[in-house]
Amino acid sequence: METLRCCPEKLTSEDFEEVKKIYTDEKVRRYLGGITPEEHVDGSRYEIVTTI
């Protein structure tokens, strides 16, 4: 999927800390079933970066 304004790139391990902020941000996660505990996000590091 690509548009003139949106050109997603494959995530890398360097992106993990920024992605982690999305999973643990209460304002963002309010509409996505609540925040994910930080230790769960840390434990899923490989899966998060390789499946998104």
PDB file of N, CA and C in Angstrom:
ATOM      1  N   MET A   1       0.843  -1.164   0.000  1.00  0.00           N
ATOM      2  CA  MET A   1       0.000   0.000   0.000  1.00  0.00           C
ATOM      3  C   MET A   1       0.896   1.237   0.000  1.00  0.00           C
ATOM      4  N   GLU A   2       0.614   2.150  -0.891  1.00  0.00           N
ATOM      5  CA  GLU A   2       1.379   3.389  -0.948  1.00  0.00           C
ATOM      6  C   GLU A   2       0.511   4.471  -1.566  1.00  0.00           C
ATOM      7  N   THR A   3       0.604   5.659  -1.017  1.00  0.00           N
ATOM      8  CA  THR A   3      -0.086   6.813  -1.576  1.00  0.00           C
ATOM      9  C   THR A   3       0.937   7.927  -1.728  1.00  0.00           C
ATOM     10  N   LEU A   4       0.505   9.053  -2.244  1.00  0.00           N
ATOM     11  CA  LEU A   4       1.425  10.186  -2.394  1.00  0.00           C
ATOM     12  C   LEU A   4       1.922  10.691  -1.039  1.00  0.00           C
ATOM     13  N   ARG A   5       1.108  10.536   0.008  1.00  0.00           N
ATOM     14  CA  ARG A   5       1.471  11.055   1.325  1.00  0.00           C
ATOM     15  C   ARG A   5       1.918   9.982   2.308  1.00  0.00           C
ATOM     16  N   CYS A   6       1.735   8.730   1.943  1.00  0.00           N
ATOM     17  CA  CYS A   6       2.056   7.643   2.861  1.00  0.00           C
ATOM     18  C   CYS A   6       2.874   6.589   2.125  1.00  0.00           C
ATOM     19  N   CYS A   7       4.070   6.387   2.593  1.00  0.00           N
ATOM     20  CA  CYS A   7       4.972   5.429   1.959  1.00  0.00           C
ATOM     21  C   CYS A   7       5.617   4.574   3.058  1.00  0.00           C
ATOM     22  N   PRO A   8       4.874   3.572   3.560  1.00  0.00           N
ATOM     23  CA  PRO A   8       5.389   2.768   4.678  1.00  0.00           C
ATOM     24  C   PRO A   8       6.651   1.986   4.306  1.00  0.00           C
ATOM     25  N   GLU A   9       7.499   1.814   5.286  1.00  0.00           N
ATOM     26  CA  GLU A   9       8.726   1.042   5.103  1.00  0.00           C
ATOM     27  C   GLU A   9       8.713  -0.113   6.083  1.00  0.00           C
ATOM     28  N   LYS A  10       9.422  -1.167   5.766  1.00  0.00           N
ATOM     29  CA  LYS A  10       9.527  -2.314   6.653  1.00  0.00           C
ATOM     30  C   LYS A  10      10.265  -1.898   7.926  1.00  0.00           C
ATOM     31  N   LEU A  11       9.741  -2.325   9.071  1.00  0.00           N
ATOM     32  CA  LEU A  11      10.370  -1.986  10.343  1.00  0.00           C
ATOM     33  C   LEU A  11      11.665  -2.763  10.539  1.00  0.00           C
ATOM     34  N   THR A  12      12.569  -2.154  11.277  1.00  0.00           N
ATOM     35  CA  THR A  12      13.821  -2.806  11.630  1.00  0.00           C
ATOM     36  C   THR A  12      13.960  -2.785  13.148  1.00  0.00           C
ATOM     37  N   SER A  13      14.945  -3.465  13.658  1.00  0.00           N
ATOM     38  CA  SER A  13      15.140  -3.486  15.109  1.00  0.00           C
ATOM     39  C   SER A  13      15.423  -2.088  15.662  1.00  0.00           C
ATOM     40  N   GLU A  14      15.944  -1.198  14.842  1.00  0.00           N
ATOM     41  CA  GLU A  14      16.205   0.174  15.289  1.00  0.00           C
ATOM     42  C   GLU A  14      14.902   0.941  15.544  1.00  0.00           C
ATOM     43  N   ASP A  15      13.788   0.467  14.978  1.00  0.00           N
ATOM     44  CA  ASP A  15      12.492   1.130  15.134  1.00  0.00           C
ATOM     45  C   ASP A  15      11.761   0.708  16.403  1.00  0.00           C
ATOM     46  N   PHE A  16      12.261  -0.298  17.089  1.00  0.00           N
ATOM     47  CA  PHE A  16      11.513  -0.902  18.191  1.00  0.00           C
ATOM     48  C   PHE A  16      11.120   0.091  19.275  1.00  0.00           C
ATOM     49  N   GLU A  17      12.004   0.949  19.714  1.00  0.00           N
ATOM     50  CA  GLU A  17      11.681   1.871  20.811  1.00  0.00           C
ATOM     51  C   GLU A  17      10.535   2.800  20.423  1.00  0.00           C
ATOM     52  N   GLU A  18      10.473   3.225  19.169  1.00  0.00           N
ATOM     53  CA  GLU A  18       9.375   4.090  18.716  1.00  0.00           C
ATOM     54  C   GLU A  18       8.065   3.307  18.638  1.00  0.00           C
ATOM     55  N   VAL A  19       8.119   2.083  18.171  1.00  0.00           N
ATOM     56  CA  VAL A  19       6.928   1.235  18.111  1.00  0.00           C
ATOM     57  C   VAL A  19       6.436   0.931  19.525  1.00  0.00           C
ATOM     58  N   LYS A  20       7.351   0.720  20.430  1.00  0.00           N
ATOM     59  CA  LYS A  20       7.014   0.436  21.825  1.00  0.00           C
ATOM     60  C   LYS A  20       6.185   1.579  22.425  1.00  0.00           C
ATOM     61  N   LYS A  21       6.508   2.803  22.059  1.00  0.00           N
ATOM     62  CA  LYS A  21       5.759   3.958  22.558  1.00  0.00           C
ATOM     63  C   LYS A  21       4.286   3.875  22.151  1.00  0.00           C
ATOM     64  N   ILE A  22       4.015   3.372  20.960  1.00  0.00           N
ATOM     65  CA  ILE A  22       2.632   3.234  20.491  1.00  0.00           C
ATOM     66  C   ILE A  22       1.893   2.199  21.335  1.00  0.00           C
ATOM     67  N   TYR A  23       2.539   1.079  21.611  1.00  0.00           N
ATOM     68  CA  TYR A  23       1.907   0.007  22.378  1.00  0.00           C
ATOM     69  C   TYR A  23       1.670   0.381  23.834  1.00  0.00           C
ATOM     70  N   THR A  24       2.449   1.295  24.370  1.00  0.00           N
ATOM     71  CA  THR A  24       2.327   1.628  25.793  1.00  0.00           C
ATOM     72  C   THR A  24       1.721   3.011  26.044  1.00  0.00           C
ATOM     73  N   ASP A  25       1.278   3.703  25.000  1.00  0.00           N
ATOM     74  CA  ASP A  25       0.687   5.033  25.143  1.00  0.00           C
ATOM     75  C   ASP A  25      -0.811   4.901  25.418  1.00  0.00           C
ATOM     76  N   GLU A  26      -1.241   5.373  26.575  1.00  0.00           N
ATOM     77  CA  GLU A  26      -2.633   5.243  26.990  1.00  0.00           C
ATOM     78  C   GLU A  26      -3.595   5.937  26.028  1.00  0.00           C
ATOM     79  N   LYS A  27      -3.217   7.099  25.517  1.00  0.00           N
ATOM     80  CA  LYS A  27      -4.097   7.837  24.603  1.00  0.00           C
ATOM     81  C   LYS A  27      -4.296   7.078  23.292  1.00  0.00           C
ATOM     82  N   VAL A  28      -3.254   6.484  22.786  1.00  0.00           N
ATOM     83  CA  VAL A  28      -3.339   5.719  21.534  1.00  0.00           C
ATOM     84  C   VAL A  28      -4.117   4.433  21.767  1.00  0.00           C
ATOM     85  N   ARG A  29      -3.768   3.717  22.823  1.00  0.00           N
ATOM     86  CA  ARG A  29      -4.333   2.391  23.065  1.00  0.00           C
ATOM     87  C   ARG A  29      -5.760   2.413  23.609  1.00  0.00           C
ATOM     88  N   ARG A  30      -6.250   3.580  23.973  1.00  0.00           N
ATOM     89  CA  ARG A  30      -7.626   3.691  24.461  1.00  0.00           C
ATOM     90  C   ARG A  30      -8.596   3.080  23.455  1.00  0.00           C
ATOM     91  N   TYR A  31      -8.317   3.221  22.183  1.00  0.00           N
ATOM     92  CA  TYR A  31      -9.206   2.742  21.124  1.00  0.00           C
ATOM     93  C   TYR A  31      -8.790   1.377  20.576  1.00  0.00           C
ATOM     94  N   LEU A  32      -7.758   0.802  21.156  1.00  0.00           N
ATOM     95  CA  LEU A  32      -7.233  -0.473  20.658  1.00  0.00           C
ATOM     96  C   LEU A  32      -7.175  -1.532  21.744  1.00  0.00           C
ATOM     97  N   GLY A  33      -8.060  -1.423  22.723  1.00  0.00           N
ATOM     98  CA  GLY A  33      -8.131  -2.450  23.755  1.00  0.00           C
ATOM     99  C   GLY A  33      -7.273  -2.222  24.980  1.00  0.00           C
ATOM    100  N   GLY A  34      -6.736  -1.031  25.156  1.00  0.00           N
ATOM    101  CA  GLY A  34      -5.928  -0.728  26.337  1.00  0.00           C
ATOM    102  C   GLY A  34      -4.444  -0.911  26.089  1.00  0.00           C
ATOM    103  N   ILE A  35      -3.663  -0.406  27.026  1.00  0.00           N
ATOM    104  CA  ILE A  35      -2.211  -0.471  26.862  1.00  0.00           C
ATOM    105  C   ILE A  35      -1.713  -1.904  27.015  1.00  0.00           C
ATOM    106  N   THR A  36      -0.593  -2.175  26.396  1.00  0.00           N
ATOM    107  CA  THR A  36       0.076  -3.460  26.515  1.00  0.00           C
ATOM    108  C   THR A  36       1.170  -3.292  27.555  1.00  0.00           C
ATOM    109  N   PRO A  37       1.236  -4.179  28.552  1.00  0.00           N
ATOM    110  CA  PRO A  37       2.275  -4.041  29.575  1.00  0.00           C
ATOM    111  C   PRO A  37       3.675  -3.996  28.936  1.00  0.00           C
ATOM    112  N   GLU A  38       4.512  -3.113  29.443  1.00  0.00           N
ATOM    113  CA  GLU A  38       5.844  -2.913  28.870  1.00  0.00           C
ATOM    114  C   GLU A  38       6.647  -4.208  28.806  1.00  0.00           C
ATOM    115  N   GLU A  39       6.543  -5.049  29.833  1.00  0.00           N
ATOM    116  CA  GLU A  39       7.309  -6.294  29.811  1.00  0.00           C
ATOM    117  C   GLU A  39       6.818  -7.238  28.716  1.00  0.00           C
ATOM    118  N   HIS A  40       5.535  -7.157  28.361  1.00  0.00           N
ATOM    119  CA  HIS A  40       5.010  -7.980  27.266  1.00  0.00           C
ATOM    120  C   HIS A  40       5.543  -7.472  25.929  1.00  0.00           C
ATOM    121  N   VAL A  41       5.583  -6.146  25.780  1.00  0.00           N
ATOM    122  CA  VAL A  41       6.118  -5.562  24.542  1.00  0.00           C
ATOM    123  C   VAL A  41       7.591  -5.926  24.392  1.00  0.00           C
ATOM    124  N   ASP A  42       8.358  -5.810  25.480  1.00  0.00           N
ATOM    125  CA  ASP A  42       9.778  -6.171  25.428  1.00  0.00           C
ATOM    126  C   ASP A  42       9.961  -7.636  25.051  1.00  0.00           C
ATOM    127  N   GLY A  43       9.104  -8.508  25.573  1.00  0.00           N
ATOM    128  CA  GLY A  43       9.192  -9.929  25.277  1.00  0.00           C
ATOM    129  C   GLY A  43       8.794 -10.261  23.857  1.00  0.00           C
ATOM    130  N   SER A  44       8.026  -9.389  23.221  1.00  0.00           N
ATOM    131  CA  SER A  44       7.556  -9.609  21.854  1.00  0.00           C
ATOM    132  C   SER A  44       8.361  -8.816  20.836  1.00  0.00           C
ATOM    133  N   ARG A  45       9.497  -8.315  21.228  1.00  0.00           N
ATOM    134  CA  ARG A  45      10.314  -7.443  20.374  1.00  0.00           C
ATOM    135  C   ARG A  45      10.490  -7.978  18.965  1.00  0.00           C
ATOM    136  N   TYR A  46      10.928  -9.225  18.834  1.00  0.00           N
ATOM    137  CA  TYR A  46      11.186  -9.813  17.521  1.00  0.00           C
ATOM    138  C   TYR A  46       9.911  -9.892  16.690  1.00  0.00           C
ATOM    139  N   GLU A  47       8.827 -10.362  17.307  1.00  0.00           N
ATOM    140  CA  GLU A  47       7.566 -10.496  16.583  1.00  0.00           C
ATOM    141  C   GLU A  47       7.033  -9.147  16.106  1.00  0.00           C
ATOM    142  N   ILE A  48       7.123  -8.142  16.937  1.00  0.00           N
ATOM    143  CA  ILE A  48       6.606  -6.817  16.584  1.00  0.00           C
ATOM    144  C   ILE A  48       7.339  -6.266  15.373  1.00  0.00           C
ATOM    145  N   VAL A  49       8.644  -6.364  15.377  1.00  0.00           N
ATOM    146  CA  VAL A  49       9.439  -5.775  14.292  1.00  0.00           C
ATOM    147  C   VAL A  49       9.314  -6.588  13.004  1.00  0.00           C
ATOM    148  N   THR A  50       9.124  -7.883  13.086  1.00  0.00           N
ATOM    149  CA  THR A  50       9.091  -8.701  11.867  1.00  0.00           C
ATOM    150  C   THR A  50       7.696  -8.889  11.287  1.00  0.00           C
ATOM    151  N   THR A  51       6.635  -8.580  12.032  1.00  0.00           N
ATOM    152  CA  THR A  51       5.295  -8.829  11.510  1.00  0.00           C
ATOM    153  C   THR A  51       4.548  -7.575  11.111  1.00  0.00           C
ATOM    154  N   ILE A  52       5.032  -6.416  11.473  1.00  0.00           N
ATOM    155  CA  ILE A  52       4.338  -5.177  11.120  1.00  0.00           C
ATOM    156  C   ILE A  52       4.813  -4.714   9.771  1.00  0.00           C
TER     157      ILE A  52
END
